[in-house]
Amino acid sequence: MNTLNPTRWGILACGKIAEKFADDLVANVPDAVVYAVASRDFMKAHIFGQKYEATKIFNSYQDLVDCPEVDVIYIASPHALHYEHTLLCLNGGKAVLCEKAFAINTTMVKEMIAKSKEKNLFLMEAIWTRFHPAIAQTLEIIQSGQIGDIVHIVADFGFKAVYDENARLFNPALTGGALYDIGIYPLFISKLLLGNPKEIKAVATFAPTGVDTNTSLSLSYENGATASLFSTLNAQTDTTCTIYGSKGKLFLHGRFHETKGLTLEIEGQEPQVFETERLGHGYSYEAQEVQNCLKSGKIESDKLPLQFSLELMELLCEIRQQIGLVYPQEV
């Protein structure tokens, strides 16, 4: 591990989300540099690498992993490849920040975690929302008791996607579907605030390719709270989150997973609106967390431990079992 500044990042796969991450890394993360990039399409890697002034440009992921100067690799490939690419990086001695969803199923996630511990290397799922200032403020408000005990959470995420059976969102071989792509965000916020549910009831509708396009969830918790969560590829939704408490409610403005504002309503008081910071696209906060952990010698984040990611994947797999969604890699 490079103990000197800056932290030298490798970018594995050069798609749209990698571009947003790299934008924020360059603009908003002190002591960070896009050192190396890799794509199986060399022209794509070349264009990407030139934009961010990368020192090394590869058309092989193995070459990226073998690059001795790289400190940590951000994996931005499709969901279906996260498991393979995480193990490639960890086996090659590289710390990893891997995009969500972490993998396809719990077996894969357990192997990824075990490899991280075996190699004593940092690993984290890139649930960027967890590190946003708005989420820190949300937790602070709830923990202060201002809205009382959480009674119910409502959260949605939806946009209208143009149907194309070969596109990532609709392709089962690429782990397409609403649940893994965007449904993970409502599920994340409910788990962060209420823990693991005691019961889940899931229903879904499907594209001709067999992936879910609408998934609706009802959850109940040991403390008596409930949650209603929804994700869709068929309609533009408000993409908000409302946390109802026994004394009031907290509203996360759309889009809640990257919000710049909260509204707090306490019974008998005027609503309070809070503006919250979000630098750039909002990816710099998770990158900063990774760098802080690396500099502290940690192999996982205290804010987003690997156990959290494993339990989140267990929930995703339970939901898939209920709606009957099996990916080709599991057959």
Foldseek 3Di string as FASTA:
>chain_A
DDLDFAQEEEEEAQDDVSLLLLVCQVPPAPRYAPAEYEDLPQVSQVVSCVVRVHNYTYNDLLVSLQPVRHAAYEYDAFQACLLVSLLSNLVSPHAYEYEPPNHQFLVSLVVSVVSLVVSLHAYYYQLLLLQFQVNVVVVVCVVVCQLHAWAEKEFEAEAADDDDCPDLQNDLSSVHAFCRPPVLVQVLVCCVRANDFPDKAKEFDHDPNQHTFKMWIWTAHPVNHIYIYIYGNHHGDQCKMWTHGPFWIKIQGPVNSQGQKIWTDGPPDDIDIDGGDAPRPSSNRVVNQVVVCVNVSHRYGPSGGSVNSSVSSVVVVVNCVNHVGDGPVVD
